[in-house]
């Protein structure tokens, strides 16, 4: 049976919106590293985004923000045109989030219920013919391997009090109360730092112009504690490589 985890979500300094995690055993049939695309010519690239690099999330739409954020990140951005597809404005991304609430299998919708499951926006994008699907990265090692060789990822994890703000070096740390869940993009795995570079959806006023570092150790703990990570199905990357 699937395990559904729904933490309490009080008011927070920035809007979150990952409503829960479903540990569905069928995810094991859709693992990103089982049949991966061709590797990057060099390891550990920074998967660069377009000029519309950091969104200004309004409401609990982080899962939709993260989904569209990854689609404007290399290597996907050559396959996906957000201005043509209609997700280049905050209102359009928020509508994607509302549409995702209708397919995530959870009860209710805004304003009474906030947030979606991590993969819900990708269900909508798949049904609209924008992406072929999504694959899962189970655990920190799989996430690290994917970022090292293949492309960016979306993570959905607990978001603690210590993660709302970066320290003097641009790091966030999972400390303090953990009553929130949040989705965000990961665009780089740094061997020198042993840390991930994340891109958030809280405008350039958060972190280092909307970005932050989180260590591998901290990410491993977050993924082990009701966290998930996914990426677009490798068919998109395969077409690009061909």
C-alpha atoms as a PDB file:
ATOM      1  CA  UNK A   1       0.000   0.000   0.000  1.00  0.00           C
ATOM      2  CA  UNK A   2       1.058   3.590  -0.541  1.00  0.00           C
ATOM      3  CA  UNK A   3       2.117   5.563   2.483  1.00  0.00           C
ATOM      4  CA  UNK A   4       0.777   9.109   2.650  1.00  0.00           C
ATOM      5  CA  UNK A   5       2.561  11.620   4.854  1.00  0.00           C
ATOM      6  CA  UNK A   6       0.789  14.928   5.463  1.00  0.00           C
ATOM      7  CA  UNK A   7       2.601  17.206   7.916  1.00  0.00           C
ATOM      8  CA  UNK A   8       0.940  20.139   9.566  1.00  0.00           C
ATOM      9  CA  UNK A   9       1.574  23.390   7.676  1.00  0.00           C
ATOM     10  CA  UNK A  10       1.276  26.621   9.671  1.00  0.00           C
ATOM     11  CA  UNK A  11       1.982  30.111   8.415  1.00  0.00           C
ATOM     12  CA  UNK A  12       5.591  30.592   7.289  1.00  0.00           C
ATOM     13  CA  UNK A  13       7.887  33.483   6.285  1.00  0.00           C
ATOM     14  CA  UNK A  14       7.733  32.324   2.638  1.00  0.00           C
ATOM     15  CA  UNK A  15       5.020  30.271   0.906  1.00  0.00           C
ATOM     16  CA  UNK A  16       5.663  26.540   0.757  1.00  0.00           C
ATOM     17  CA  UNK A  17       3.137  24.099  -0.714  1.00  0.00           C
ATOM     18  CA  UNK A  18       4.356  20.495  -0.923  1.00  0.00           C
ATOM     19  CA  UNK A  19       1.340  18.904   0.673  1.00  0.00           C
ATOM     20  CA  UNK A  20       2.644  15.424   1.274  1.00  0.00           C
ATOM     21  CA  UNK A  21       4.679  12.473   0.035  1.00  0.00           C
ATOM     22  CA  UNK A  22       3.264   9.255  -1.378  1.00  0.00           C
ATOM     23  CA  UNK A  23       5.745   6.397  -1.230  1.00  0.00           C
ATOM     24  CA  UNK A  24       4.110   4.455  -4.039  1.00  0.00           C
ATOM     25  CA  UNK A  25       5.817   1.099  -4.809  1.00  0.00           C
ATOM     26  CA  UNK A  26       5.044   1.664  -8.512  1.00  0.00           C
ATOM     27  CA  UNK A  27       7.696   4.381  -8.486  1.00  0.00           C
ATOM     28  CA  UNK A  28      10.273   1.580  -8.481  1.00  0.00           C
ATOM     29  CA  UNK A  29       9.270   0.864 -12.090  1.00  0.00           C
ATOM     30  CA  UNK A  30      10.215   4.404 -13.101  1.00  0.00           C
ATOM     31  CA  UNK A  31      13.736   5.011 -11.855  1.00  0.00           C
ATOM     32  CA  UNK A  32      15.792   7.615 -13.715  1.00  0.00           C
ATOM     33  CA  UNK A  33      19.087   5.723 -13.559  1.00  0.00           C
ATOM     34  CA  UNK A  34      17.801   2.375 -14.853  1.00  0.00           C
ATOM     35  CA  UNK A  35      17.955   3.530 -18.487  1.00  0.00           C
ATOM     36  CA  UNK A  36      19.663   6.931 -18.351  1.00  0.00           C
ATOM     37  CA  UNK A  37      20.394   9.242 -21.292  1.00  0.00           C
ATOM     38  CA  UNK A  38      23.931   9.849 -22.569  1.00  0.00           C
ATOM     39  CA  UNK A  39      26.255  11.360 -20.000  1.00  0.00           C
ATOM     40  CA  UNK A  40      27.481  14.908 -19.974  1.00  0.00           C
ATOM     41  CA  UNK A  41      30.929  15.194 -21.648  1.00  0.00           C
ATOM     42  CA  UNK A  42      32.311  16.499 -18.355  1.00  0.00           C
ATOM     43  CA  UNK A  43      31.081  15.680 -14.848  1.00  0.00           C
ATOM     44  CA  UNK A  44      29.362  18.094 -12.479  1.00  0.00           C
ATOM     45  CA  UNK A  45      28.228  20.806 -14.888  1.00  0.00           C
ATOM     46  CA  UNK A  46      26.084  23.673 -13.684  1.00  0.00           C
ATOM     47  CA  UNK A  47      22.748  23.118 -15.394  1.00  0.00           C
ATOM     48  CA  UNK A  48      22.090  26.739 -16.379  1.00  0.00           C
ATOM     49  CA  UNK A  49      18.672  28.329 -16.509  1.00  0.00           C
ATOM     50  CA  UNK A  50      17.196  30.948 -18.818  1.00  0.00           C
ATOM     51  CA  UNK A  51      17.150  34.611 -17.916  1.00  0.00           C
ATOM     52  CA  UNK A  52      13.797  34.021 -16.191  1.00  0.00           C
ATOM     53  CA  UNK A  53      15.803  32.172 -13.583  1.00  0.00           C
ATOM     54  CA  UNK A  54      14.017  32.809 -10.289  1.00  0.00           C
ATOM     55  CA  UNK A  55      10.253  33.008  -9.949  1.00  0.00           C
ATOM     56  CA  UNK A  56       8.266  35.099  -7.499  1.00  0.00           C
ATOM     57  CA  UNK A  57       5.971  32.486  -6.023  1.00  0.00           C
ATOM     58  CA  UNK A  58       2.539  33.638  -4.915  1.00  0.00           C
ATOM     59  CA  UNK A  59       0.626  31.213  -2.720  1.00  0.00           C
ATOM     60  CA  UNK A  60       1.358  27.539  -2.165  1.00  0.00           C
ATOM     61  CA  UNK A  61       2.391  26.733  -5.739  1.00  0.00           C
ATOM     62  CA  UNK A  62       5.967  25.551  -5.158  1.00  0.00           C
ATOM     63  CA  UNK A  63       5.488  22.213  -6.935  1.00  0.00           C
ATOM     64  CA  UNK A  64       4.322  23.935 -10.115  1.00  0.00           C
ATOM     65  CA  UNK A  65       7.080  26.546  -9.796  1.00  0.00           C
ATOM     66  CA  UNK A  66       9.700  23.816  -9.501  1.00  0.00           C
ATOM     67  CA  UNK A  67       8.294  21.875 -12.450  1.00  0.00           C
ATOM     68  CA  UNK A  68       8.355  24.879 -14.781  1.00  0.00           C
ATOM     69  CA  UNK A  69      11.701  25.951 -13.342  1.00  0.00           C
ATOM     70  CA  UNK A  70      13.262  22.684 -14.449  1.00  0.00           C
ATOM     71  CA  UNK A  71      11.785  23.032 -17.916  1.00  0.00           C
ATOM     72  CA  UNK A  72      13.644  26.309 -18.470  1.00  0.00           C
ATOM     73  CA  UNK A  73      16.910  24.748 -17.274  1.00  0.00           C
ATOM     74  CA  UNK A  74      19.497  23.106 -19.519  1.00  0.00           C
ATOM     75  CA  UNK A  75      19.214  20.659 -21.164  1.00  0.00           C
ATOM     76  CA  UNK A  76      15.418  20.845 -21.144  1.00  0.00           C
ATOM     77  CA  UNK A  77      14.987  24.453 -22.207  1.00  0.00           C
ATOM     78  CA  UNK A  78      15.767  23.653 -25.849  1.00  0.00           C
ATOM     79  CA  UNK A  79      12.789  21.292 -25.826  1.00  0.00           C
ATOM     80  CA  UNK A  80      10.353  23.504 -23.950  1.00  0.00           C
ATOM     81  CA  UNK A  81       9.273  27.069 -24.687  1.00  0.00           C
ATOM     82  CA  UNK A  82       7.469  28.553 -21.675  1.00  0.00           C
ATOM     83  CA  UNK A  83       6.166  31.540 -23.636  1.00  0.00           C
ATOM     84  CA  UNK A  84       4.547  29.237 -26.213  1.00  0.00           C
ATOM     85  CA  UNK A  85       3.251  26.782 -23.639  1.00  0.00           C
ATOM     86  CA  UNK A  86       1.770  29.484 -21.448  1.00  0.00           C
ATOM     87  CA  UNK A  87       3.704  29.222 -18.183  1.00  0.00           C
ATOM     88  CA  UNK A  88       5.875  32.318 -18.360  1.00  0.00           C
ATOM     89  CA  UNK A  89       3.818  34.413 -15.937  1.00  0.00           C
ATOM     90  CA  UNK A  90       3.164  33.930 -12.261  1.00  0.00           C
ATOM     91  CA  UNK A  91      -0.584  33.707 -12.889  1.00  0.00           C
ATOM     92  CA  UNK A  92      -0.082  30.897 -15.407  1.00  0.00           C
ATOM     93  CA  UNK A  93       2.177  28.927 -13.100  1.00  0.00           C
ATOM     94  CA  UNK A  94      -0.332  29.349 -10.288  1.00  0.00           C
ATOM     95  CA  UNK A  95      -3.052  28.023 -12.570  1.00  0.00           C
ATOM     96  CA  UNK A  96      -0.883  24.976 -13.292  1.00  0.00           C
ATOM     97  CA  UNK A  97      -0.721  24.418  -9.546  1.00  0.00           C
ATOM     98  CA  UNK A  98      -4.524  24.637  -9.254  1.00  0.00           C
ATOM     99  CA  UNK A  99      -4.878  22.187 -12.153  1.00  0.00           C
ATOM    100  CA  UNK A 100      -2.409  19.855 -10.438  1.00  0.00           C
ATOM    101  CA  UNK A 101      -4.584  19.829  -7.332  1.00  0.00           C
ATOM    102  CA  UNK A 102      -7.298  18.197  -9.422  1.00  0.00           C
ATOM    103  CA  UNK A 103      -5.132  15.204 -10.360  1.00  0.00           C
ATOM    104  CA  UNK A 104      -2.960  14.582  -7.295  1.00  0.00           C
ATOM    105  CA  UNK A 105      -5.418  12.244  -5.596  1.00  0.00           C
ATOM    106  CA  UNK A 106      -5.627  14.340  -2.449  1.00  0.00           C
ATOM    107  CA  UNK A 107      -8.915  15.790  -1.206  1.00  0.00           C
ATOM    108  CA  UNK A 108      -9.808  19.429  -1.670  1.00  0.00           C
ATOM    109  CA  UNK A 109      -8.422  22.476  -3.414  1.00  0.00           C
ATOM    110  CA  UNK A 110      -7.554  26.060  -2.573  1.00  0.00           C
ATOM    111  CA  UNK A 111      -8.520  27.992  -0.549  1.00  0.00           C
ATOM    112  CA  UNK A 112      -9.358  25.218   1.938  1.00  0.00           C
ATOM    113  CA  UNK A 113      -6.444  22.920   1.021  1.00  0.00           C
ATOM    114  CA  UNK A 114      -2.964  24.136   0.092  1.00  0.00           C
ATOM    115  CA  UNK A 115      -0.284  22.392  -1.942  1.00  0.00           C
ATOM    116  CA  UNK A 116       0.052  19.263  -4.110  1.00  0.00           C
ATOM    117  CA  UNK A 117       2.136  16.138  -4.346  1.00  0.00           C
ATOM    118  CA  UNK A 118       5.559  16.556  -5.981  1.00  0.00           C
ATOM    119  CA  UNK A 119       4.665  14.824  -9.242  1.00  0.00           C
ATOM    120  CA  UNK A 120       1.196  16.346  -9.686  1.00  0.00           C
ATOM    121  CA  UNK A 121       2.254  19.229 -11.997  1.00  0.00           C
ATOM    122  CA  UNK A 122       4.147  16.725 -14.150  1.00  0.00           C
ATOM    123  CA  UNK A 123       0.944  14.713 -14.533  1.00  0.00           C
ATOM    124  CA  UNK A 124      -0.711  17.794 -16.007  1.00  0.00           C
ATOM    125  CA  UNK A 125       2.274  18.569 -18.233  1.00  0.00           C
ATOM    126  CA  UNK A 126       2.334  14.970 -19.457  1.00  0.00           C
ATOM    127  CA  UNK A 127      -1.376  14.974 -20.241  1.00  0.00           C
ATOM    128  CA  UNK A 128      -0.883  18.207 -22.214  1.00  0.00           C
ATOM    129  CA  UNK A 129       1.892  16.633 -24.285  1.00  0.00           C
ATOM    130  CA  UNK A 130       4.633  18.890 -22.929  1.00  0.00           C
ATOM    131  CA  UNK A 131       6.740  16.181 -21.250  1.00  0.00           C
ATOM    132  CA  UNK A 132       6.705  12.408 -21.830  1.00  0.00           C
ATOM    133  CA  UNK A 133       6.690  11.677 -18.105  1.00  0.00           C
ATOM    134  CA  UNK A 134       8.892  11.753 -15.041  1.00  0.00           C
ATOM    135  CA  UNK A 135      11.295   9.368 -13.327  1.00  0.00           C
ATOM    136  CA  UNK A 136      12.322   9.022  -9.699  1.00  0.00           C
ATOM    137  CA  UNK A 137      15.649   9.384  -7.931  1.00  0.00           C
ATOM    138  CA  UNK A 138      15.597   7.340  -4.741  1.00  0.00           C
ATOM    139  CA  UNK A 139      18.012   8.498  -2.087  1.00  0.00           C
ATOM    140  CA  UNK A 140      20.848  10.977  -2.066  1.00  0.00           C
ATOM    141  CA  UNK A 141      23.340   8.857  -4.024  1.00  0.00           C
ATOM    142  CA  UNK A 142      20.991   8.552  -7.000  1.00  0.00           C
ATOM    143  CA  UNK A 143      20.331  12.294  -6.835  1.00  0.00           C
ATOM    144  CA  UNK A 144      24.066  13.014  -6.784  1.00  0.00           C
ATOM    145  CA  UNK A 145      24.752  10.691  -9.716  1.00  0.00           C
ATOM    146  CA  UNK A 146      21.987  12.283 -11.785  1.00  0.00           C
ATOM    147  CA  UNK A 147      23.188  15.843 -11.151  1.00  0.00           C
ATOM    148  CA  UNK A 148      26.771  14.777 -11.845  1.00  0.00           C
ATOM    149  CA  UNK A 149      26.134  13.329 -15.285  1.00  0.00           C
ATOM    150  CA  UNK A 150      22.643  13.835 -16.656  1.00  0.00           C
ATOM    151  CA  UNK A 151      20.687  16.944 -15.687  1.00  0.00           C
ATOM    152  CA  UNK A 152      18.800  18.935 -13.053  1.00  0.00           C
ATOM    153  CA  UNK A 153      16.207  17.574 -10.641  1.00  0.00           C
ATOM    154  CA  UNK A 154      13.252  18.616  -8.525  1.00  0.00           C
ATOM    155  CA  UNK A 155      13.316  17.811  -4.815  1.00  0.00           C
ATOM    156  CA  UNK A 156      10.453  17.855  -2.356  1.00  0.00           C
ATOM    157  CA  UNK A 157      11.447  17.666   1.284  1.00  0.00           C
ATOM    158  CA  UNK A 158      10.714  18.843   4.755  1.00  0.00           C
ATOM    159  CA  UNK A 159      11.557  22.526   5.100  1.00  0.00           C
ATOM    160  CA  UNK A 160      12.665  23.536   8.577  1.00  0.00           C
ATOM    161  CA  UNK A 161      13.005  26.868  10.331  1.00  0.00           C
ATOM    162  CA  UNK A 162      16.746  26.859   9.591  1.00  0.00           C
ATOM    163  CA  UNK A 163      16.122  26.627   5.841  1.00  0.00           C
ATOM    164  CA  UNK A 164      14.118  29.811   5.409  1.00  0.00           C
ATOM    165  CA  UNK A 165      17.318  31.872   5.463  1.00  0.00           C
ATOM    166  CA  UNK A 166      20.894  31.271   4.303  1.00  0.00           C
ATOM    167  CA  UNK A 167      23.971  31.719   6.470  1.00  0.00           C
ATOM    168  CA  UNK A 168      26.887  34.026   5.650  1.00  0.00           C
ATOM    169  CA  UNK A 169      28.239  31.470   3.160  1.00  0.00           C
ATOM    170  CA  UNK A 170      24.961  30.890   1.352  1.00  0.00           C
ATOM    171  CA  UNK A 171      24.047  27.578   2.992  1.00  0.00           C
ATOM    172  CA  UNK A 172      20.733  26.445   4.408  1.00  0.00           C
ATOM    173  CA  UNK A 173      20.597  23.892   7.230  1.00  0.00           C
ATOM    174  CA  UNK A 174      17.708  21.642   8.309  1.00  0.00           C
ATOM    175  CA  UNK A 175      17.532  22.816  11.911  1.00  0.00           C
ATOM    176  CA  UNK A 176      14.667  23.852  14.149  1.00  0.00           C
ATOM    177  CA  UNK A 177      11.012  23.075  13.718  1.00  0.00           C
ATOM    178  CA  UNK A 178      10.043  20.983  10.690  1.00  0.00           C
ATOM    179  CA  UNK A 179       6.368  21.688  10.110  1.00  0.00           C
ATOM    180  CA  UNK A 180       6.621  22.626   6.420  1.00  0.00           C
ATOM    181  CA  UNK A 181       7.283  20.831   3.126  1.00  0.00           C
ATOM    182  CA  UNK A 182       8.629  22.536   0.019  1.00  0.00           C
ATOM    183  CA  UNK A 183       9.616  21.795  -3.581  1.00  0.00           C
ATOM    184  CA  UNK A 184      12.649  23.335  -5.290  1.00  0.00           C
ATOM    185  CA  UNK A 185      15.059  22.805  -8.190  1.00  0.00           C
ATOM    186  CA  UNK A 186      18.598  21.443  -7.940  1.00  0.00           C
ATOM    187  CA  UNK A 187      20.989  22.569 -10.685  1.00  0.00           C
ATOM    188  CA  UNK A 188      24.488  21.557  -9.564  1.00  0.00           C
ATOM    189  CA  UNK A 189      26.344  18.986  -7.483  1.00  0.00           C
ATOM    190  CA  UNK A 190      29.661  20.440  -6.312  1.00  0.00           C
ATOM    191  CA  UNK A 191      32.372  17.873  -5.469  1.00  0.00           C
ATOM    192  CA  UNK A 192      34.535  20.577  -3.909  1.00  0.00           C
ATOM    193  CA  UNK A 193      31.781  21.760  -1.586  1.00  0.00           C
ATOM    194  CA  UNK A 194      30.135  18.339  -1.258  1.00  0.00           C
ATOM    195  CA  UNK A 195      26.916  20.268  -1.609  1.00  0.00           C
ATOM    196  CA  UNK A 196      24.014  20.906  -3.954  1.00  0.00           C
ATOM    197  CA  UNK A 197      23.078  24.230  -5.534  1.00  0.00           C
ATOM    198  CA  UNK A 198      19.352  24.799  -5.319  1.00  0.00           C
ATOM    199  CA  UNK A 199      17.170  27.385  -7.046  1.00  0.00           C
ATOM    200  CA  UNK A 200      14.115  28.451  -5.093  1.00  0.00           C
ATOM    201  CA  UNK A 201      10.909  30.176  -6.220  1.00  0.00           C
ATOM    202  CA  UNK A 202      10.881  32.985  -3.647  1.00  0.00           C
ATOM    203  CA  UNK A 203      12.348  35.731  -5.860  1.00  0.00           C
ATOM    204  CA  UNK A 204      15.887  37.131  -5.746  1.00  0.00           C
ATOM    205  CA  UNK A 205      15.216  38.473  -2.247  1.00  0.00           C
ATOM    206  CA  UNK A 206      15.750  34.994  -0.799  1.00  0.00           C
ATOM    207  CA  UNK A 207      19.199  33.475  -0.299  1.00  0.00           C
ATOM    208  CA  UNK A 208      21.890  34.357  -2.818  1.00  0.00           C
ATOM    209  CA  UNK A 209      19.676  35.965  -5.475  1.00  0.00           C
ATOM    210  CA  UNK A 210      17.202  33.130  -5.094  1.00  0.00           C
ATOM    211  CA  UNK A 211      19.786  30.374  -4.726  1.00  0.00           C
ATOM    212  CA  UNK A 212      21.454  28.503  -1.874  1.00  0.00           C
ATOM    213  CA  UNK A 213      23.764  25.612  -1.015  1.00  0.00           C
ATOM    214  CA  UNK A 214      22.822  22.539   0.985  1.00  0.00           C
ATOM    215  CA  UNK A 215      25.320  19.840   1.938  1.00  0.00           C
ATOM    216  CA  UNK A 216      25.079  16.251   0.767  1.00  0.00           C
ATOM    217  CA  UNK A 217      24.755  15.099   4.367  1.00  0.00           C
ATOM    218  CA  UNK A 218      21.822  17.409   5.000  1.00  0.00           C
ATOM    219  CA  UNK A 219      20.140  16.447   1.728  1.00  0.00           C
ATOM    220  CA  UNK A 220      20.547  12.765   2.551  1.00  0.00           C
ATOM    221  CA  UNK A 221      18.784  13.323   5.837  1.00  0.00           C
ATOM    222  CA  UNK A 222      15.943  15.242   4.194  1.00  0.00           C
ATOM    223  CA  UNK A 223      15.390  12.587   1.543  1.00  0.00           C
ATOM    224  CA  UNK A 224      15.414   9.881   4.190  1.00  0.00           C
ATOM    225  CA  UNK A 225      12.807  11.816   6.202  1.00  0.00           C
ATOM    226  CA  UNK A 226       9.815  11.803   3.845  1.00  0.00           C
ATOM    227  CA  UNK A 227      11.667  13.405   0.934  1.00  0.00           C
ATOM    228  CA  UNK A 228      11.499  12.724  -2.797  1.00  0.00           C
ATOM    229  CA  UNK A 229      13.333  13.708  -5.965  1.00  0.00           C
ATOM    230  CA  UNK A 230      12.406  13.319  -9.604  1.00  0.00           C
ATOM    231  CA  UNK A 231      13.381  14.384 -13.100  1.00  0.00           C
ATOM    232  CA  UNK A 232      11.819  14.481 -16.540  1.00  0.00           C
ATOM    233  CA  UNK A 233      11.803  11.118 -18.314  1.00  0.00           C
ATOM    234  CA  UNK A 234      15.020  10.549 -20.191  1.00  0.00           C
ATOM    235  CA  UNK A 235      13.237  10.353 -23.530  1.00  0.00           C
ATOM    236  CA  UNK A 236      13.516  14.129 -23.743  1.00  0.00           C
ATOM    237  CA  UNK A 237      17.260  14.026 -23.151  1.00  0.00           C
ATOM    238  CA  UNK A 238      17.649  11.163 -25.571  1.00  0.00           C
ATOM    239  CA  UNK A 239      15.995  13.216 -28.330  1.00  0.00           C
ATOM    240  CA  UNK A 240      18.293  16.133 -27.580  1.00  0.00           C
ATOM    241  CA  UNK A 241      21.386  13.947 -27.669  1.00  0.00           C
ATOM    242  CA  UNK A 242      20.312  12.406 -30.966  1.00  0.00           C
END
